[in-house]
Amino acid sequence: MLPRPSPWTWQRQLGGFLRALARDDRGMTSEHVIWIAFAAALALAVTGLFGPQIMAAARSVSFR
């Protein structure tokens, strides 16, 4: 009969992976940061311009 794995094994593995990932910043270049900032600015601009219409449309939805 095989021993049962600890229920905390996957959490320990995930924690180790996330800690290693946080220390490894080789993939984050300046270009990635600029693209992320551009996408965030675009999302904020769209929300600022169309926010009231989006909220009005959301309020007018009725479920049967």
C-alpha atoms as a PDB file:
ATOM      1  CA  MET A   1       0.000   0.000   0.000  1.00  0.00           C
ATOM      2  CA  LEU A   2       1.371   3.408  -0.998  1.00  0.00           C
ATOM      3  CA  PRO A   3       1.638   6.104   1.653  1.00  0.00           C
ATOM      4  CA  ARG A   4      -0.784   8.971   1.309  1.00  0.00           C
ATOM      5  CA  PRO A   5       0.834  12.260   0.303  1.00  0.00           C
ATOM      6  CA  SER A   6       0.559  15.105   2.732  1.00  0.00           C
ATOM      7  CA  PRO A   7      -2.360  17.437   1.994  1.00  0.00           C
ATOM      8  CA  TRP A   8       0.084  20.342   2.299  1.00  0.00           C
ATOM      9  CA  THR A   9       2.502  19.070  -0.357  1.00  0.00           C
ATOM     10  CA  TRP A  10       0.985  21.031  -3.243  1.00  0.00           C
ATOM     11  CA  GLN A  11       0.883  24.211  -1.147  1.00  0.00           C
ATOM     12  CA  ARG A  12       4.550  23.827  -0.257  1.00  0.00           C
ATOM     13  CA  GLN A  13       5.428  23.255  -3.903  1.00  0.00           C
ATOM     14  CA  LEU A  14       3.356  26.234  -5.026  1.00  0.00           C
ATOM     15  CA  GLY A  15       4.951  28.449  -2.384  1.00  0.00           C
ATOM     16  CA  GLY A  16       8.425  27.408  -3.467  1.00  0.00           C
ATOM     17  CA  PHE A  17       7.571  28.040  -7.111  1.00  0.00           C
ATOM     18  CA  LEU A  18       6.141  31.502  -6.393  1.00  0.00           C
ATOM     19  CA  ARG A  19       9.165  32.463  -4.281  1.00  0.00           C
ATOM     20  CA  ALA A  20      11.520  31.349  -7.054  1.00  0.00           C
ATOM     21  CA  LEU A  21       9.457  33.223  -9.627  1.00  0.00           C
ATOM     22  CA  ALA A  22       9.550  36.407  -7.554  1.00  0.00           C
ATOM     23  CA  ARG A  23      13.364  36.253  -7.415  1.00  0.00           C
ATOM     24  CA  ASP A  24      13.669  35.608 -11.167  1.00  0.00           C
ATOM     25  CA  ASP A  25      13.122  38.794 -13.165  1.00  0.00           C
ATOM     26  CA  ARG A  26      14.885  37.810 -16.398  1.00  0.00           C
ATOM     27  CA  GLY A  27      11.690  37.956 -18.454  1.00  0.00           C
ATOM     28  CA  MET A  28      10.554  41.429 -17.402  1.00  0.00           C
ATOM     29  CA  THR A  29      12.197  43.838 -19.799  1.00  0.00           C
ATOM     30  CA  SER A  30      11.600  47.540 -20.189  1.00  0.00           C
ATOM     31  CA  GLU A  31       9.555  46.835 -23.295  1.00  0.00           C
ATOM     32  CA  HIS A  32       7.165  44.625 -21.301  1.00  0.00           C
ATOM     33  CA  VAL A  33       6.748  47.326 -18.676  1.00  0.00           C
ATOM     34  CA  ILE A  34       5.986  49.924 -21.351  1.00  0.00           C
ATOM     35  CA  TRP A  35       3.377  47.660 -23.001  1.00  0.00           C
ATOM     36  CA  ILE A  36       1.718  46.948 -19.658  1.00  0.00           C
ATOM     37  CA  ALA A  37       1.602  50.674 -18.870  1.00  0.00           C
ATOM     38  CA  PHE A  38       0.116  51.375 -22.312  1.00  0.00           C
ATOM     39  CA  ALA A  39      -2.575  48.712 -21.838  1.00  0.00           C
ATOM     40  CA  ALA A  40      -3.447  50.065 -18.385  1.00  0.00           C
ATOM     41  CA  ALA A  41      -3.677  53.639 -19.725  1.00  0.00           C
ATOM     42  CA  LEU A  42      -5.901  52.463 -22.575  1.00  0.00           C
ATOM     43  CA  ALA A  43      -8.192  50.620 -20.161  1.00  0.00           C
ATOM     44  CA  LEU A  44      -8.458  53.709 -17.948  1.00  0.00           C
ATOM     45  CA  ALA A  45      -9.177  55.934 -20.950  1.00  0.00           C
ATOM     46  CA  VAL A  46     -11.931  53.639 -22.234  1.00  0.00           C
ATOM     47  CA  THR A  47     -13.437  53.418 -18.760  1.00  0.00           C
ATOM     48  CA  GLY A  48     -13.286  57.197 -18.376  1.00  0.00           C
ATOM     49  CA  LEU A  49     -14.895  57.856 -21.748  1.00  0.00           C
ATOM     50  CA  PHE A  50     -17.554  55.164 -21.770  1.00  0.00           C
ATOM     51  CA  GLY A  51     -18.020  54.488 -18.056  1.00  0.00           C
ATOM     52  CA  PRO A  52     -21.379  56.258 -17.679  1.00  0.00           C
ATOM     53  CA  GLN A  53     -22.831  54.510 -20.751  1.00  0.00           C
ATOM     54  CA  ILE A  54     -21.574  51.137 -19.547  1.00  0.00           C
ATOM     55  CA  MET A  55     -23.105  51.670 -16.106  1.00  0.00           C
ATOM     56  CA  ALA A  56     -26.421  52.829 -17.630  1.00  0.00           C
ATOM     57  CA  ALA A  57     -26.529  49.749 -19.846  1.00  0.00           C
ATOM     58  CA  ALA A  58     -25.753  47.510 -16.882  1.00  0.00           C
ATOM     59  CA  ARG A  59     -28.565  49.062 -14.838  1.00  0.00           C
ATOM     60  CA  SER A  60     -31.090  48.605 -17.647  1.00  0.00           C
ATOM     61  CA  VAL A  61     -30.521  44.843 -17.919  1.00  0.00           C
ATOM     62  CA  SER A  62     -33.423  42.797 -16.610  1.00  0.00           C
ATOM     63  CA  PHE A  63     -33.389  39.061 -16.029  1.00  0.00           C
ATOM     64  CA  ARG A  64     -36.563  37.026 -16.483  1.00  0.00           C
END
